[in-house]
Amino acid sequence: MAAVVLIALTLAVLYWLPVRRWFGRWGATATDRTRVMAGDAAVVDPTYAATLAITIDAPPEHIWPWLVQMGYQRGGLYSYDWLDRLFGYLDRPSADAILPPFQQLAVGDEIPIGRGQGFPVTAIEPYRALVLSGTGDGVAWLWEFGLYPLDARRTRLVSRNRVRVRWSVGSWLFMRLIEPAAFLRTRRMLLGLKQRAEALAAAQADRSSQAA
């Protein structure tokens, strides 16, 4: 019995320290984690926060179109499509092409997720920042994306989540269950955006070289 308890405690410590820490900062540098982003003020003193980031070998203009067309019956979520479709968040595979009808997005619009309530757009700076946030039932949440050019051909894409909930045993347990799922899906989404943006940049470079 003592051995079982020791193993359980060891696994709990490993999850709480290195694994959970990784969930909250995958790919993010110290600069990414500490930078002030456009929507940070929407949720102060969060009970959950995660900043994930990735370097994309493409300028912001090849990343931004994929972000603004996200959503149900739009461009998708670029994550695990089979899982998003299983839970009803999507009704089709994520797009592998830019969809002109969904390239206009403004504050007050809502990015649909499934057939229920979507993600309200609360701030937008074209080619720089997209902020989704809301409140309800004692929960304040934020999901924002920032595009930070490194040079003419490379961009840091940063995703930040913040959630503030009233503390209770139930809410604490719920957040612990949500954390790994949110990490896995957001990480896959960033990789999906990277793949699509880099393919778009490469295709445009090919067209430019052929025209020359």
C-alpha atoms as a PDB file:
ATOM      1  CA  MET A   1       0.000   0.000   0.000  1.00  0.00           C
ATOM      2  CA  ALA A   2       2.827   2.378   0.872  1.00  0.00           C
ATOM      3  CA  ALA A   3       4.442   1.701  -2.509  1.00  0.00           C
ATOM      4  CA  VAL A   4       1.189   2.554  -4.311  1.00  0.00           C
ATOM      5  CA  VAL A   5       0.856   5.815  -2.389  1.00  0.00           C
ATOM      6  CA  LEU A   6       4.492   6.708  -3.152  1.00  0.00           C
ATOM      7  CA  ILE A   7       4.019   6.038  -6.868  1.00  0.00           C
ATOM      8  CA  ALA A   8       0.826   8.114  -6.900  1.00  0.00           C
ATOM      9  CA  LEU A   9       2.527  11.012  -5.141  1.00  0.00           C
ATOM     10  CA  THR A  10       5.505  10.828  -7.500  1.00  0.00           C
ATOM     11  CA  LEU A  11       3.255  10.914 -10.552  1.00  0.00           C
ATOM     12  CA  ALA A  12       1.278  13.811  -9.073  1.00  0.00           C
ATOM     13  CA  VAL A  13       4.447  15.820  -8.462  1.00  0.00           C
ATOM     14  CA  LEU A  14       5.753  15.087 -11.953  1.00  0.00           C
ATOM     15  CA  TYR A  15       2.462  16.246 -13.469  1.00  0.00           C
ATOM     16  CA  TRP A  16       2.143  19.334 -11.292  1.00  0.00           C
ATOM     17  CA  LEU A  17       5.679  20.579 -11.866  1.00  0.00           C
ATOM     18  CA  PRO A  18       7.369  19.733 -15.216  1.00  0.00           C
ATOM     19  CA  VAL A  19       4.376  18.414 -17.197  1.00  0.00           C
ATOM     20  CA  ARG A  20       1.846  21.071 -16.206  1.00  0.00           C
ATOM     21  CA  ARG A  21       4.508  23.738 -16.603  1.00  0.00           C
ATOM     22  CA  TRP A  22       5.113  22.469 -20.167  1.00  0.00           C
ATOM     23  CA  PHE A  23       1.376  22.628 -20.891  1.00  0.00           C
ATOM     24  CA  GLY A  24       1.365  26.312 -20.009  1.00  0.00           C
ATOM     25  CA  ARG A  25       4.410  27.459 -21.969  1.00  0.00           C
ATOM     26  CA  TRP A  26       5.064  25.113 -24.893  1.00  0.00           C
ATOM     27  CA  GLY A  27       7.246  26.821 -27.485  1.00  0.00           C
ATOM     28  CA  ALA A  28       7.173  30.140 -25.642  1.00  0.00           C
ATOM     29  CA  THR A  29      10.331  32.068 -24.838  1.00  0.00           C
ATOM     30  CA  ALA A  30      10.687  34.317 -21.809  1.00  0.00           C
ATOM     31  CA  THR A  31       9.888  37.235 -24.122  1.00  0.00           C
ATOM     32  CA  ASP A  32       6.699  35.556 -25.348  1.00  0.00           C
ATOM     33  CA  ARG A  33       5.545  34.824 -21.816  1.00  0.00           C
ATOM     34  CA  THR A  34       6.153  38.296 -20.423  1.00  0.00           C
ATOM     35  CA  ARG A  35       5.174  40.478 -23.376  1.00  0.00           C
ATOM     36  CA  VAL A  36       2.037  42.573 -23.013  1.00  0.00           C
ATOM     37  CA  MET A  37      -0.536  41.472 -25.568  1.00  0.00           C
ATOM     38  CA  ALA A  38      -3.540  43.354 -26.909  1.00  0.00           C
ATOM     39  CA  GLY A  39      -6.224  41.615 -24.847  1.00  0.00           C
ATOM     40  CA  ASP A  40      -4.461  40.977 -21.544  1.00  0.00           C
ATOM     41  CA  ALA A  41      -6.597  43.471 -19.636  1.00  0.00           C
ATOM     42  CA  ALA A  42      -9.753  41.431 -20.360  1.00  0.00           C
ATOM     43  CA  VAL A  43      -8.823  38.931 -17.631  1.00  0.00           C
ATOM     44  CA  VAL A  44      -6.694  40.056 -14.697  1.00  0.00           C
ATOM     45  CA  ASP A  45      -5.515  37.759 -11.907  1.00  0.00           C
ATOM     46  CA  PRO A  46      -6.358  34.612 -13.903  1.00  0.00           C
ATOM     47  CA  THR A  47      -6.809  31.275 -12.182  1.00  0.00           C
ATOM     48  CA  TYR A  48      -5.508  29.610 -15.335  1.00  0.00           C
ATOM     49  CA  ALA A  49      -3.081  31.001 -17.891  1.00  0.00           C
ATOM     50  CA  ALA A  50      -1.138  29.521 -20.786  1.00  0.00           C
ATOM     51  CA  THR A  51       1.081  31.111 -23.415  1.00  0.00           C
ATOM     52  CA  LEU A  52       2.083  28.884 -26.336  1.00  0.00           C
ATOM     53  CA  ALA A  53       4.113  30.006 -29.327  1.00  0.00           C
ATOM     54  CA  ILE A  54       5.671  28.875 -32.563  1.00  0.00           C
ATOM     55  CA  THR A  55       7.976  30.318 -35.217  1.00  0.00           C
ATOM     56  CA  ILE A  56       6.479  30.332 -38.699  1.00  0.00           C
ATOM     57  CA  ASP A  57       8.645  30.728 -41.780  1.00  0.00           C
ATOM     58  CA  ALA A  58       6.254  33.214 -43.323  1.00  0.00           C
ATOM     59  CA  PRO A  59       5.360  36.896 -42.849  1.00  0.00           C
ATOM     60  CA  PRO A  60       2.138  37.946 -41.057  1.00  0.00           C
ATOM     61  CA  GLU A  61       0.213  38.413 -44.320  1.00  0.00           C
ATOM     62  CA  HIS A  62       0.433  34.671 -44.938  1.00  0.00           C
ATOM     63  CA  ILE A  63      -0.730  33.788 -41.419  1.00  0.00           C
ATOM     64  CA  TRP A  64      -3.507  36.301 -40.840  1.00  0.00           C
ATOM     65  CA  PRO A  65      -5.991  34.964 -43.457  1.00  0.00           C
ATOM     66  CA  TRP A  66      -6.054  31.571 -41.733  1.00  0.00           C
ATOM     67  CA  LEU A  67      -6.837  33.170 -38.370  1.00  0.00           C
ATOM     68  CA  VAL A  68      -9.731  35.343 -39.533  1.00  0.00           C
ATOM     69  CA  GLN A  69     -11.487  32.490 -41.343  1.00  0.00           C
ATOM     70  CA  MET A  70     -11.513  30.159 -38.311  1.00  0.00           C
ATOM     71  CA  GLY A  71     -14.734  28.607 -37.103  1.00  0.00           C
ATOM     72  CA  TYR A  72     -17.644  26.271 -37.702  1.00  0.00           C
ATOM     73  CA  GLN A  73     -18.804  26.216 -41.332  1.00  0.00           C
ATOM     74  CA  ARG A  74     -15.830  28.485 -42.038  1.00  0.00           C
ATOM     75  CA  GLY A  75     -12.146  27.540 -42.174  1.00  0.00           C
ATOM     76  CA  GLY A  76     -12.151  25.191 -39.192  1.00  0.00           C
ATOM     77  CA  LEU A  77      -9.725  25.095 -36.286  1.00  0.00           C
ATOM     78  CA  TYR A  78      -6.655  23.459 -37.880  1.00  0.00           C
ATOM     79  CA  SER A  79      -6.352  21.094 -34.938  1.00  0.00           C
ATOM     80  CA  TYR A  80      -7.510  17.481 -34.589  1.00  0.00           C
ATOM     81  CA  ASP A  81     -10.379  17.618 -37.064  1.00  0.00           C
ATOM     82  CA  TRP A  82     -11.673  14.161 -36.189  1.00  0.00           C
ATOM     83  CA  LEU A  83     -11.970  15.181 -32.538  1.00  0.00           C
ATOM     84  CA  ASP A  84     -13.522  18.576 -33.286  1.00  0.00           C
ATOM     85  CA  ARG A  85     -16.077  16.908 -35.539  1.00  0.00           C
ATOM     86  CA  LEU A  86     -16.787  14.201 -32.957  1.00  0.00           C
ATOM     87  CA  PHE A  87     -17.697  16.844 -30.356  1.00  0.00           C
ATOM     88  CA  GLY A  88     -19.624  18.943 -32.848  1.00  0.00           C
ATOM     89  CA  TYR A  89     -17.228  21.901 -32.973  1.00  0.00           C
ATOM     90  CA  LEU A  90     -16.833  21.453 -36.735  1.00  0.00           C
ATOM     91  CA  ASP A  91     -18.911  19.885 -39.492  1.00  0.00           C
ATOM     92  CA  ARG A  92     -16.133  19.436 -42.043  1.00  0.00           C
ATOM     93  CA  PRO A  93     -12.342  19.193 -42.287  1.00  0.00           C
ATOM     94  CA  SER A  94     -10.345  22.375 -41.708  1.00  0.00           C
ATOM     95  CA  ALA A  95      -9.630  24.321 -44.879  1.00  0.00           C
ATOM     96  CA  ASP A  96      -6.353  24.024 -46.744  1.00  0.00           C
ATOM     97  CA  ALA A  97      -7.067  27.122 -48.823  1.00  0.00           C
ATOM     98  CA  ILE A  98      -7.921  30.751 -48.157  1.00  0.00           C
ATOM     99  CA  LEU A  99     -11.703  31.282 -48.244  1.00  0.00           C
ATOM    100  CA  PRO A 100     -12.488  34.812 -49.541  1.00  0.00           C
ATOM    101  CA  PRO A 101     -16.058  34.954 -48.085  1.00  0.00           C
ATOM    102  CA  PHE A 102     -14.613  34.678 -44.560  1.00  0.00           C
ATOM    103  CA  GLN A 103     -11.808  37.209 -44.763  1.00  0.00           C
ATOM    104  CA  GLN A 104     -13.714  40.070 -43.147  1.00  0.00           C
ATOM    105  CA  LEU A 105     -13.729  40.089 -39.340  1.00  0.00           C
ATOM    106  CA  ALA A 106     -14.480  42.976 -36.981  1.00  0.00           C
ATOM    107  CA  VAL A 107     -15.061  43.721 -33.325  1.00  0.00           C
ATOM    108  CA  GLY A 108     -18.540  42.512 -32.407  1.00  0.00           C
ATOM    109  CA  ASP A 109     -18.431  39.563 -34.799  1.00  0.00           C
ATOM    110  CA  GLU A 110     -18.546  36.056 -33.410  1.00  0.00           C
ATOM    111  CA  ILE A 111     -16.435  33.117 -34.525  1.00  0.00           C
ATOM    112  CA  PRO A 112     -18.865  30.176 -34.468  1.00  0.00           C
ATOM    113  CA  ILE A 113     -17.841  26.980 -32.696  1.00  0.00           C
ATOM    114  CA  GLY A 114     -20.361  24.216 -33.286  1.00  0.00           C
ATOM    115  CA  ARG A 115     -24.027  25.131 -33.196  1.00  0.00           C
ATOM    116  CA  GLY A 116     -23.865  26.861 -29.828  1.00  0.00           C
ATOM    117  CA  GLN A 117     -22.425  30.147 -28.668  1.00  0.00           C
ATOM    118  CA  GLY A 118     -19.249  31.178 -30.458  1.00  0.00           C
ATOM    119  CA  PHE A 119     -16.208  33.252 -29.554  1.00  0.00           C
ATOM    120  CA  PRO A 120     -16.869  37.035 -29.576  1.00  0.00           C
ATOM    121  CA  VAL A 121     -14.232  39.207 -31.247  1.00  0.00           C
ATOM    122  CA  THR A 122     -13.392  41.942 -28.734  1.00  0.00           C
ATOM    123  CA  ALA A 123     -10.293  43.461 -30.357  1.00  0.00           C
ATOM    124  CA  ILE A 124      -8.606  43.141 -33.708  1.00  0.00           C
ATOM    125  CA  GLU A 125      -5.504  44.667 -35.292  1.00  0.00           C
ATOM    126  CA  PRO A 126      -5.095  43.287 -38.829  1.00  0.00           C
ATOM    127  CA  TYR A 127      -1.897  41.282 -39.266  1.00  0.00           C
ATOM    128  CA  ARG A 128      -1.017  41.881 -35.604  1.00  0.00           C
ATOM    129  CA  ALA A 129      -3.615  40.745 -33.067  1.00  0.00           C
ATOM    130  CA  LEU A 130      -6.903  38.885 -32.732  1.00  0.00           C
ATOM    131  CA  VAL A 131      -8.622  38.888 -29.325  1.00  0.00           C
ATOM    132  CA  LEU A 132     -11.561  36.682 -28.355  1.00  0.00           C
ATOM    133  CA  SER A 133     -13.021  37.070 -24.866  1.00  0.00           C
ATOM    134  CA  GLY A 134     -16.183  36.902 -22.823  1.00  0.00           C
ATOM    135  CA  THR A 135     -17.808  36.517 -19.410  1.00  0.00           C
ATOM    136  CA  GLY A 136     -20.689  34.506 -18.016  1.00  0.00           C
ATOM    137  CA  ASP A 137     -21.728  32.230 -15.143  1.00  0.00           C
ATOM    138  CA  GLY A 138     -18.904  33.493 -12.961  1.00  0.00           C
ATOM    139  CA  VAL A 139     -16.249  32.844 -15.622  1.00  0.00           C
ATOM    140  CA  ALA A 140     -14.118  35.376 -17.486  1.00  0.00           C
ATOM    141  CA  TRP A 141     -12.074  34.022 -20.373  1.00  0.00           C
ATOM    142  CA  LEU A 142      -9.657  35.249 -22.996  1.00  0.00           C
ATOM    143  CA  TRP A 143      -8.067  33.697 -26.070  1.00  0.00           C
ATOM    144  CA  GLU A 144      -5.785  35.931 -28.069  1.00  0.00           C
ATOM    145  CA  PHE A 145      -3.315  35.591 -30.911  1.00  0.00           C
ATOM    146  CA  GLY A 146      -0.379  37.878 -31.585  1.00  0.00           C
ATOM    147  CA  LEU A 147       1.843  38.052 -34.666  1.00  0.00           C
ATOM    148  CA  TYR A 148       5.382  39.316 -34.062  1.00  0.00           C
ATOM    149  CA  PRO A 149       7.737  39.507 -37.080  1.00  0.00           C
ATOM    150  CA  LEU A 150      11.288  38.335 -36.459  1.00  0.00           C
ATOM    151  CA  ASP A 151      12.492  39.470 -39.878  1.00  0.00           C
ATOM    152  CA  ALA A 152      11.090  39.759 -43.399  1.00  0.00           C
ATOM    153  CA  ARG A 153      10.371  36.021 -43.634  1.00  0.00           C
ATOM    154  CA  ARG A 154       9.742  34.737 -40.107  1.00  0.00           C
ATOM    155  CA  THR A 155       7.016  35.462 -37.565  1.00  0.00           C
ATOM    156  CA  ARG A 156       6.331  34.442 -33.996  1.00  0.00           C
ATOM    157  CA  LEU A 157       2.722  33.348 -33.543  1.00  0.00           C
ATOM    158  CA  VAL A 158       1.709  33.533 -29.882  1.00  0.00           C
ATOM    159  CA  SER A 159      -1.501  32.084 -28.435  1.00  0.00           C
ATOM    160  CA  ARG A 160      -2.491  33.156 -24.918  1.00  0.00           C
ATOM    161  CA  ASN A 161      -5.354  31.791 -22.829  1.00  0.00           C
ATOM    162  CA  ARG A 162      -6.534  33.264 -19.547  1.00  0.00           C
ATOM    163  CA  VAL A 163      -9.456  32.118 -17.423  1.00  0.00           C
ATOM    164  CA  ARG A 164     -10.733  33.415 -14.089  1.00  0.00           C
ATOM    165  CA  VAL A 165     -13.326  31.395 -12.185  1.00  0.00           C
ATOM    166  CA  ARG A 166     -14.769  31.603  -8.691  1.00  0.00           C
ATOM    167  CA  TRP A 167     -12.873  29.088  -6.609  1.00  0.00           C
ATOM    168  CA  SER A 168     -14.543  25.858  -5.574  1.00  0.00           C
ATOM    169  CA  VAL A 169     -13.470  22.257  -5.443  1.00  0.00           C
ATOM    170  CA  GLY A 170     -15.556  21.573  -8.536  1.00  0.00           C
ATOM    171  CA  SER A 171     -14.081  24.463 -10.549  1.00  0.00           C
ATOM    172  CA  TRP A 172     -10.552  23.485  -9.491  1.00  0.00           C
ATOM    173  CA  LEU A 173     -11.054  19.900 -10.647  1.00  0.00           C
ATOM    174  CA  PHE A 174     -12.700  21.045 -13.871  1.00  0.00           C
ATOM    175  CA  MET A 175      -9.763  23.303 -14.744  1.00  0.00           C
ATOM    176  CA  ARG A 176      -7.281  20.511 -14.056  1.00  0.00           C
ATOM    177  CA  LEU A 177      -9.168  18.307 -16.527  1.00  0.00           C
ATOM    178  CA  ILE A 178      -9.369  21.072 -19.129  1.00  0.00           C
ATOM    179  CA  GLU A 179      -5.668  21.968 -19.055  1.00  0.00           C
ATOM    180  CA  PRO A 180      -4.233  18.941 -20.923  1.00  0.00           C
ATOM    181  CA  ALA A 181      -7.048  18.949 -23.488  1.00  0.00           C
ATOM    182  CA  ALA A 182      -6.623  22.689 -24.132  1.00  0.00           C
ATOM    183  CA  PHE A 183      -2.875  22.262 -24.490  1.00  0.00           C
ATOM    184  CA  LEU A 184      -3.067  19.369 -26.955  1.00  0.00           C
ATOM    185  CA  ARG A 185      -5.630  21.044 -29.180  1.00  0.00           C
ATOM    186  CA  THR A 186      -3.977  24.482 -29.128  1.00  0.00           C
ATOM    187  CA  ARG A 187      -0.536  23.013 -29.849  1.00  0.00           C
ATOM    188  CA  ARG A 188      -1.930  21.092 -32.816  1.00  0.00           C
ATOM    189  CA  MET A 189      -3.685  24.234 -34.013  1.00  0.00           C
ATOM    190  CA  LEU A 190      -0.438  26.224 -33.985  1.00  0.00           C
ATOM    191  CA  LEU A 191       1.264  23.459 -35.952  1.00  0.00           C
ATOM    192  CA  GLY A 192      -1.651  23.430 -38.403  1.00  0.00           C
ATOM    193  CA  LEU A 193      -1.399  27.197 -38.879  1.00  0.00           C
ATOM    194  CA  LYS A 194       2.353  26.917 -39.389  1.00  0.00           C
ATOM    195  CA  GLN A 195       1.924  24.242 -42.068  1.00  0.00           C
ATOM    196  CA  ARG A 196      -0.700  26.229 -43.961  1.00  0.00           C
ATOM    197  CA  ALA A 197       1.034  29.603 -43.753  1.00  0.00           C
ATOM    198  CA  GLU A 198       4.371  28.209 -44.877  1.00  0.00           C
ATOM    199  CA  ALA A 199       2.718  26.411 -47.794  1.00  0.00           C
ATOM    200  CA  LEU A 200       1.001  29.661 -48.800  1.00  0.00           C
ATOM    201  CA  ALA A 201       4.267  31.600 -48.594  1.00  0.00           C
ATOM    202  CA  ALA A 202       6.085  28.954 -50.656  1.00  0.00           C
ATOM    203  CA  ALA A 203       3.370  28.951 -53.324  1.00  0.00           C
ATOM    204  CA  GLN A 204       3.525  32.730 -53.630  1.00  0.00           C
ATOM    205  CA  ALA A 205       7.325  32.619 -53.864  1.00  0.00           C
ATOM    206  CA  ASP A 206       7.041  30.054 -56.677  1.00  0.00           C
ATOM    207  CA  ARG A 207       4.588  32.240 -58.570  1.00  0.00           C
ATOM    208  CA  SER A 208       6.844  35.269 -58.166  1.00  0.00           C
ATOM    209  CA  SER A 209       9.898  33.375 -59.420  1.00  0.00           C
ATOM    210  CA  GLN A 210       7.977  32.075 -62.442  1.00  0.00           C
ATOM    211  CA  ALA A 211       6.715  35.554 -63.255  1.00  0.00           C
ATOM    212  CA  ALA A 212      10.262  36.877 -63.123  1.00  0.00           C
END
